[in-house]
């Protein structure tokens, strides 16, 4: 089973929408709040390019999706 990670923020509505979609699909995933978790923010920075946007979906260490349905929230440096 693929290892899925969702990087997002509590304030981003698109993170919430992606989370709900993953749950509806029955996917197992680990969620990280990059505003509240410094280590998660640093991992996101190693995976993505600027400007850093959420939600960011990572499967087995590779970014497979940035944003949700063409929309995203930009995260500060």
PDB file of N, CA and C in Angstrom:
ATOM      1  N   UNK A   1       0.841  -1.180   0.000  1.00  0.00           N
ATOM      2  CA  UNK A   1       0.000   0.000   0.000  1.00  0.00           C
ATOM      3  C   UNK A   1       0.885   1.242   0.000  1.00  0.00           C
ATOM      4  N   UNK A   2       0.596   2.202  -0.882  1.00  0.00           N
ATOM      5  CA  UNK A   2       1.418   3.415  -0.951  1.00  0.00           C
ATOM      6  C   UNK A   2       1.354   4.226   0.342  1.00  0.00           C
ATOM      7  N   UNK A   3       2.458   4.870   0.633  1.00  0.00           N
ATOM      8  CA  UNK A   3       2.537   5.748   1.785  1.00  0.00           C
ATOM      9  C   UNK A   3       2.130   7.147   1.334  1.00  0.00           C
ATOM     10  N   UNK A   4       0.973   7.636   1.793  1.00  0.00           N
ATOM     11  CA  UNK A   4       0.479   8.955   1.414  1.00  0.00           C
ATOM     12  C   UNK A   4       0.670   9.944   2.549  1.00  0.00           C
ATOM     13  N   UNK A   5       1.137  11.131   2.205  1.00  0.00           N
ATOM     14  CA  UNK A   5       1.283  12.223   3.161  1.00  0.00           C
ATOM     15  C   UNK A   5       0.589  13.451   2.600  1.00  0.00           C
ATOM     16  N   UNK A   6      -0.186  14.101   3.443  1.00  0.00           N
ATOM     17  CA  UNK A   6      -0.877  15.328   3.069  1.00  0.00           C
ATOM     18  C   UNK A   6      -0.288  16.470   3.886  1.00  0.00           C
ATOM     19  N   UNK A   7       0.306  17.437   3.200  1.00  0.00           N
ATOM     20  CA  UNK A   7       0.843  18.630   3.844  1.00  0.00           C
ATOM     21  C   UNK A   7      -0.146  19.750   3.610  1.00  0.00           C
ATOM     22  N   UNK A   8      -0.530  20.429   4.680  1.00  0.00           N
ATOM     23  CA  UNK A   8      -1.502  21.495   4.558  1.00  0.00           C
ATOM     24  C   UNK A   8      -1.458  22.427   5.751  1.00  0.00           C
ATOM     25  N   UNK A   9      -2.505  23.236   5.861  1.00  0.00           N
ATOM     26  CA  UNK A   9      -2.652  24.134   7.014  1.00  0.00           C
ATOM     27  C   UNK A   9      -4.103  24.077   7.476  1.00  0.00           C
ATOM     28  N   UNK A  10      -4.303  24.393   8.739  1.00  0.00           N
ATOM     29  CA  UNK A  10      -5.655  24.405   9.302  1.00  0.00           C
ATOM     30  C   UNK A  10      -6.508  25.489   8.668  1.00  0.00           C
ATOM     31  N   UNK A  11      -5.883  26.557   8.206  1.00  0.00           N
ATOM     32  CA  UNK A  11      -6.638  27.691   7.659  1.00  0.00           C
ATOM     33  C   UNK A  11      -6.930  27.580   6.162  1.00  0.00           C
ATOM     34  N   UNK A  12      -6.396  26.581   5.486  1.00  0.00           N
ATOM     35  CA  UNK A  12      -6.570  26.451   4.038  1.00  0.00           C
ATOM     36  C   UNK A  12      -7.795  25.588   3.729  1.00  0.00           C
ATOM     37  N   UNK A  13      -8.808  26.160   3.096  1.00  0.00           N
ATOM     38  CA  UNK A  13     -10.005  25.376   2.785  1.00  0.00           C
ATOM     39  C   UNK A  13      -9.733  24.254   1.778  1.00  0.00           C
ATOM     40  N   UNK A  14      -8.723  24.400   0.939  1.00  0.00           N
ATOM     41  CA  UNK A  14      -8.419  23.376  -0.052  1.00  0.00           C
ATOM     42  C   UNK A  14      -7.756  22.163   0.595  1.00  0.00           C
ATOM     43  N   UNK A  15      -7.020  22.397   1.683  1.00  0.00           N
ATOM     44  CA  UNK A  15      -6.484  21.277   2.457  1.00  0.00           C
ATOM     45  C   UNK A  15      -7.645  20.471   3.014  1.00  0.00           C
ATOM     46  N   UNK A  16      -8.623  21.147   3.555  1.00  0.00           N
ATOM     47  CA  UNK A  16      -9.798  20.463   4.120  1.00  0.00           C
ATOM     48  C   UNK A  16     -10.525  19.663   3.041  1.00  0.00           C
ATOM     49  N   UNK A  17     -10.692  20.262   1.859  1.00  0.00           N
ATOM     50  CA  UNK A  17     -11.377  19.562   0.776  1.00  0.00           C
ATOM     51  C   UNK A  17     -10.606  18.325   0.324  1.00  0.00           C
ATOM     52  N   UNK A  18      -9.271  18.413   0.225  1.00  0.00           N
ATOM     53  CA  UNK A  18      -8.481  17.252  -0.171  1.00  0.00           C
ATOM     54  C   UNK A  18      -8.551  16.170   0.903  1.00  0.00           C
ATOM     55  N   UNK A  19      -8.483  16.573   2.169  1.00  0.00           N
ATOM     56  CA  UNK A  19      -8.590  15.613   3.269  1.00  0.00           C
ATOM     57  C   UNK A  19      -9.915  14.857   3.187  1.00  0.00           C
ATOM     58  N   UNK A  20     -11.004  15.598   2.996  1.00  0.00           N
ATOM     59  CA  UNK A  20     -12.324  14.967   2.905  1.00  0.00           C
ATOM     60  C   UNK A  20     -12.403  14.016   1.721  1.00  0.00           C
ATOM     61  N   UNK A  21     -11.802  14.378   0.599  1.00  0.00           N
ATOM     62  CA  UNK A  21     -11.787  13.512  -0.577  1.00  0.00           C
ATOM     63  C   UNK A  21     -11.003  12.230  -0.300  1.00  0.00           C
ATOM     64  N   UNK A  22      -9.826  12.370   0.329  1.00  0.00           N
ATOM     65  CA  UNK A  22      -9.021  11.190   0.657  1.00  0.00           C
ATOM     66  C   UNK A  22      -9.780  10.265   1.605  1.00  0.00           C
ATOM     67  N   UNK A  23     -10.441  10.849   2.593  1.00  0.00           N
ATOM     68  CA  UNK A  23     -11.228  10.047   3.536  1.00  0.00           C
ATOM     69  C   UNK A  23     -12.387   9.355   2.811  1.00  0.00           C
ATOM     70  N   UNK A  24     -13.075  10.063   1.928  1.00  0.00           N
ATOM     71  CA  UNK A  24     -14.186   9.504   1.181  1.00  0.00           C
ATOM     72  C   UNK A  24     -13.735   8.335   0.311  1.00  0.00           C
ATOM     73  N   UNK A  25     -12.514   8.447  -0.259  1.00  0.00           N
ATOM     74  CA  UNK A  25     -11.949   7.384  -1.087  1.00  0.00           C
ATOM     75  C   UNK A  25     -11.416   6.224  -0.250  1.00  0.00           C
ATOM     76  N   UNK A  26     -11.383   6.378   1.088  1.00  0.00           N
ATOM     77  CA  UNK A  26     -10.889   5.325   1.967  1.00  0.00           C
ATOM     78  C   UNK A  26      -9.382   5.187   1.974  1.00  0.00           C
ATOM     79  N   UNK A  27      -8.689   6.260   1.646  1.00  0.00           N
ATOM     80  CA  UNK A  27      -7.223   6.233   1.602  1.00  0.00           C
ATOM     81  C   UNK A  27      -6.640   6.409   3.002  1.00  0.00           C
ATOM     82  N   UNK A  28      -5.599   5.654   3.290  1.00  0.00           N
ATOM     83  CA  UNK A  28      -4.835   5.856   4.518  1.00  0.00           C
ATOM     84  C   UNK A  28      -3.774   6.900   4.228  1.00  0.00           C
ATOM     85  N   UNK A  29      -3.688   7.920   5.077  1.00  0.00           N
ATOM     86  CA  UNK A  29      -2.703   8.964   4.864  1.00  0.00           C
ATOM     87  C   UNK A  29      -2.336   9.590   6.201  1.00  0.00           C
ATOM     88  N   UNK A  30      -1.199  10.241   6.206  1.00  0.00           N
ATOM     89  CA  UNK A  30      -0.740  10.990   7.361  1.00  0.00           C
ATOM     90  C   UNK A  30      -0.799  12.461   6.993  1.00  0.00           C
ATOM     91  N   UNK A  31      -1.384  13.265   7.880  1.00  0.00           N
ATOM     92  CA  UNK A  31      -1.528  14.689   7.597  1.00  0.00           C
ATOM     93  C   UNK A  31      -0.574  15.502   8.463  1.00  0.00           C
ATOM     94  N   UNK A  32       0.015  16.520   7.858  1.00  0.00           N
ATOM     95  CA  UNK A  32       0.928  17.413   8.553  1.00  0.00           C
ATOM     96  C   UNK A  32       0.473  18.855   8.373  1.00  0.00           C
ATOM     97  N   UNK A  33       0.428  19.600   9.457  1.00  0.00           N
ATOM     98  CA  UNK A  33       0.106  21.029   9.417  1.00  0.00           C
ATOM     99  C   UNK A  33       1.424  21.794   9.390  1.00  0.00           C
ATOM    100  N   UNK A  34       1.747  22.366   8.240  1.00  0.00           N
ATOM    101  CA  UNK A  34       3.059  22.999   8.078  1.00  0.00           C
ATOM    102  C   UNK A  34       3.168  24.340   8.795  1.00  0.00           C
ATOM    103  N   UNK A  35       2.052  24.885   9.254  1.00  0.00           N
ATOM    104  CA  UNK A  35       2.115  26.103  10.072  1.00  0.00           C
ATOM    105  C   UNK A  35       2.440  25.769  11.520  1.00  0.00           C
ATOM    106  N   UNK A  36       1.966  24.629  11.990  1.00  0.00           N
ATOM    107  CA  UNK A  36       2.145  24.259  13.388  1.00  0.00           C
ATOM    108  C   UNK A  36       3.350  23.343  13.629  1.00  0.00           C
ATOM    109  N   UNK A  37       3.856  22.708  12.587  1.00  0.00           N
ATOM    110  CA  UNK A  37       4.904  21.695  12.725  1.00  0.00           C
ATOM    111  C   UNK A  37       6.121  22.112  11.897  1.00  0.00           C
ATOM    112  N   UNK A  38       7.147  22.612  12.572  1.00  0.00           N
ATOM    113  CA  UNK A  38       8.366  23.089  11.903  1.00  0.00           C
ATOM    114  C   UNK A  38       9.045  21.984  11.095  1.00  0.00           C
ATOM    115  N   UNK A  39       9.103  20.763  11.639  1.00  0.00           N
ATOM    116  CA  UNK A  39       9.738  19.656  10.915  1.00  0.00           C
ATOM    117  C   UNK A  39       8.974  19.320   9.637  1.00  0.00           C
ATOM    118  N   UNK A  40       7.656  19.349   9.707  1.00  0.00           N
ATOM    119  CA  UNK A  40       6.846  19.089   8.514  1.00  0.00           C
ATOM    120  C   UNK A  40       7.070  20.184   7.472  1.00  0.00           C
ATOM    121  N   UNK A  41       7.169  21.428   7.926  1.00  0.00           N
ATOM    122  CA  UNK A  41       7.418  22.546   7.009  1.00  0.00           C
ATOM    123  C   UNK A  41       8.757  22.350   6.292  1.00  0.00           C
ATOM    124  N   UNK A  42       9.768  21.918   7.015  1.00  0.00           N
ATOM    125  CA  UNK A  42      11.079  21.677   6.402  1.00  0.00           C
ATOM    126  C   UNK A  42      11.019  20.519   5.410  1.00  0.00           C
ATOM    127  N   UNK A  43      10.301  19.440   5.728  1.00  0.00           N
ATOM    128  CA  UNK A  43      10.143  18.328   4.784  1.00  0.00           C
ATOM    129  C   UNK A  43       9.442  18.802   3.510  1.00  0.00           C
ATOM    130  N   UNK A  44       8.394  19.616   3.679  1.00  0.00           N
ATOM    131  CA  UNK A  44       7.679  20.140   2.528  1.00  0.00           C
ATOM    132  C   UNK A  44       8.624  20.956   1.644  1.00  0.00           C
ATOM    133  N   UNK A  45       9.477  21.731   2.246  1.00  0.00           N
ATOM    134  CA  UNK A  45      10.425  22.558   1.483  1.00  0.00           C
ATOM    135  C   UNK A  45      11.410  21.718   0.684  1.00  0.00           C
ATOM    136  N   UNK A  46      11.749  20.535   1.177  1.00  0.00           N
ATOM    137  CA  UNK A  46      12.653  19.661   0.429  1.00  0.00           C
ATOM    138  C   UNK A  46      11.944  18.968  -0.729  1.00  0.00           C
ATOM    139  N   UNK A  47      10.622  18.855  -0.634  1.00  0.00           N
ATOM    140  CA  UNK A  47       9.847  18.161  -1.662  1.00  0.00           C
ATOM    141  C   UNK A  47       9.331  19.086  -2.757  1.00  0.00           C
ATOM    142  N   UNK A  48       9.010  20.315  -2.403  1.00  0.00           N
ATOM    143  CA  UNK A  48       8.327  21.227  -3.322  1.00  0.00           C
ATOM    144  C   UNK A  48       9.234  22.389  -3.713  1.00  0.00           C
ATOM    145  N   UNK A  49       8.746  23.161  -4.671  1.00  0.00           N
ATOM    146  CA  UNK A  49       9.460  24.355  -5.103  1.00  0.00           C
ATOM    147  C   UNK A  49       8.663  25.587  -4.694  1.00  0.00           C
ATOM    148  N   UNK A  50       9.355  26.717  -4.591  1.00  0.00           N
ATOM    149  CA  UNK A  50       8.686  27.974  -4.262  1.00  0.00           C
ATOM    150  C   UNK A  50       7.840  28.427  -5.435  1.00  0.00           C
ATOM    151  N   UNK A  51       6.765  29.101  -5.224  1.00  0.00           N
ATOM    152  CA  UNK A  51       6.186  29.409  -3.923  1.00  0.00           C
ATOM    153  C   UNK A  51       5.545  28.154  -3.338  1.00  0.00           C
ATOM    154  N   UNK A  52       5.756  27.933  -2.047  1.00  0.00           N
ATOM    155  CA  UNK A  52       5.237  26.743  -1.390  1.00  0.00           C
ATOM    156  C   UNK A  52       3.732  26.860  -1.240  1.00  0.00           C
ATOM    157  N   UNK A  53       3.029  25.855  -1.738  1.00  0.00           N
ATOM    158  CA  UNK A  53       1.574  25.866  -1.714  1.00  0.00           C
ATOM    159  C   UNK A  53       1.041  24.586  -1.097  1.00  0.00           C
ATOM    160  N   UNK A  54      -0.105  24.706  -0.470  1.00  0.00           N
ATOM    161  CA  UNK A  54      -0.809  23.561   0.095  1.00  0.00           C
ATOM    162  C   UNK A  54      -2.230  23.564  -0.432  1.00  0.00           C
ATOM    163  N   UNK A  55      -2.865  22.424  -0.499  1.00  0.00           N
ATOM    164  CA  UNK A  55      -2.374  21.131  -0.036  1.00  0.00           C
ATOM    165  C   UNK A  55      -1.322  20.549  -0.991  1.00  0.00           C
ATOM    166  N   UNK A  56      -0.464  19.746  -0.407  1.00  0.00           N
ATOM    167  CA  UNK A  56       0.587  19.052  -1.135  1.00  0.00           C
ATOM    168  C   UNK A  56       0.422  17.576  -0.809  1.00  0.00           C
ATOM    169  N   UNK A  57       0.212  16.757  -1.826  1.00  0.00           N
ATOM    170  CA  UNK A  57       0.029  15.327  -1.622  1.00  0.00           C
ATOM    171  C   UNK A  57       1.276  14.599  -2.100  1.00  0.00           C
ATOM    172  N   UNK A  58       1.832  13.787  -1.216  1.00  0.00           N
ATOM    173  CA  UNK A  58       3.086  13.081  -1.492  1.00  0.00           C
ATOM    174  C   UNK A  58       2.836  11.581  -1.349  1.00  0.00           C
ATOM    175  N   UNK A  59       3.280  10.836  -2.338  1.00  0.00           N
ATOM    176  CA  UNK A  59       3.157   9.376  -2.289  1.00  0.00           C
ATOM    177  C   UNK A  59       4.543   8.768  -2.398  1.00  0.00           C
ATOM    178  N   UNK A  60       4.903   7.989  -1.407  1.00  0.00           N
ATOM    179  CA  UNK A  60       6.201   7.321  -1.379  1.00  0.00           C
ATOM    180  C   UNK A  60       7.356   8.286  -1.643  1.00  0.00           C
ATOM    181  N   UNK A  61       7.285   9.490  -1.048  1.00  0.00           N
ATOM    182  CA  UNK A  61       8.361  10.464  -1.151  1.00  0.00           C
ATOM    183  C   UNK A  61       8.352  11.318  -2.405  1.00  0.00           C
ATOM    184  N   UNK A  62       7.341  11.155  -3.275  1.00  0.00           N
ATOM    185  CA  UNK A  62       7.257  11.939  -4.508  1.00  0.00           C
ATOM    186  C   UNK A  62       5.977  12.763  -4.494  1.00  0.00           C
ATOM    187  N   UNK A  63       6.094  14.015  -4.883  1.00  0.00           N
ATOM    188  CA  UNK A  63       4.915  14.882  -4.980  1.00  0.00           C
ATOM    189  C   UNK A  63       4.047  14.385  -6.129  1.00  0.00           C
ATOM    190  N   UNK A  64       2.770  14.120  -5.819  1.00  0.00           N
ATOM    191  CA  UNK A  64       1.862  13.671  -6.872  1.00  0.00           C
ATOM    192  C   UNK A  64       0.772  14.707  -7.157  1.00  0.00           C
ATOM    193  N   UNK A  65       0.600  15.671  -6.248  1.00  0.00           N
ATOM    194  CA  UNK A  65      -0.391  16.713  -6.499  1.00  0.00           C
ATOM    195  C   UNK A  65      -0.098  17.935  -5.641  1.00  0.00           C
ATOM    196  N   UNK A  66      -0.208  19.092  -6.262  1.00  0.00           N
ATOM    197  CA  UNK A  66      -0.104  20.372  -5.559  1.00  0.00           C
ATOM    198  C   UNK A  66      -1.423  21.092  -5.778  1.00  0.00           C
ATOM    199  N   UNK A  67      -2.062  21.497  -4.690  1.00  0.00           N
ATOM    200  CA  UNK A  67      -3.345  22.174  -4.791  1.00  0.00           C
ATOM    201  C   UNK A  67      -4.489  21.194  -4.917  1.00  0.00           C
ATOM    202  N   UNK A  68      -5.681  21.751  -4.933  1.00  0.00           N
ATOM    203  CA  UNK A  68      -6.888  20.957  -5.039  1.00  0.00           C
ATOM    204  C   UNK A  68      -7.792  21.600  -6.095  1.00  0.00           C
ATOM    205  N   UNK A  69      -8.031  20.872  -7.169  1.00  0.00           N
ATOM    206  CA  UNK A  69      -8.874  21.328  -8.269  1.00  0.00           C
ATOM    207  C   UNK A  69      -8.458  22.713  -8.771  1.00  0.00           C
ATOM    208  N   UNK A  70      -7.145  22.873  -8.932  1.00  0.00           N
ATOM    209  CA  UNK A  70      -6.599  24.102  -9.485  1.00  0.00           C
ATOM    210  C   UNK A  70      -6.454  25.245  -8.499  1.00  0.00           C
ATOM    211  N   UNK A  71      -6.731  24.994  -7.235  1.00  0.00           N
ATOM    212  CA  UNK A  71      -6.637  26.050  -6.226  1.00  0.00           C
ATOM    213  C   UNK A  71      -5.686  25.614  -5.109  1.00  0.00           C
ATOM    214  N   UNK A  72      -5.034  26.599  -4.490  1.00  0.00           N
ATOM    215  CA  UNK A  72      -4.081  26.301  -3.421  1.00  0.00           C
ATOM    216  C   UNK A  72      -3.919  27.521  -2.528  1.00  0.00           C
ATOM    217  N   UNK A  73      -3.370  27.299  -1.367  1.00  0.00           N
ATOM    218  CA  UNK A  73      -3.023  28.376  -0.439  1.00  0.00           C
ATOM    219  C   UNK A  73      -1.496  28.457  -0.394  1.00  0.00           C
ATOM    220  N   UNK A  74      -0.973  29.659  -0.551  1.00  0.00           N
ATOM    221  CA  UNK A  74       0.474  29.869  -0.489  1.00  0.00           C
ATOM    222  C   UNK A  74       0.895  29.948   0.964  1.00  0.00           C
ATOM    223  N   UNK A  75       1.972  29.234   1.276  1.00  0.00           N
ATOM    224  CA  UNK A  75       2.518  29.207   2.641  1.00  0.00           C
ATOM    225  C   UNK A  75       3.759  30.072   2.651  1.00  0.00           C
ATOM    226  N   UNK A  76       3.928  30.886   3.659  1.00  0.00           N
ATOM    227  CA  UNK A  76       5.103  31.758   3.777  1.00  0.00           C
ATOM    228  C   UNK A  76       6.394  30.977   3.814  1.00  0.00           C
ATOM    229  N   UNK A  77       7.470  31.708   3.656  1.00  0.00           N
ATOM    230  CA  UNK A  77       8.809  31.106   3.640  1.00  0.00           C
ATOM    231  C   UNK A  77       9.015  30.332   4.892  1.00  0.00           C
TER     232      UNK A  77
END
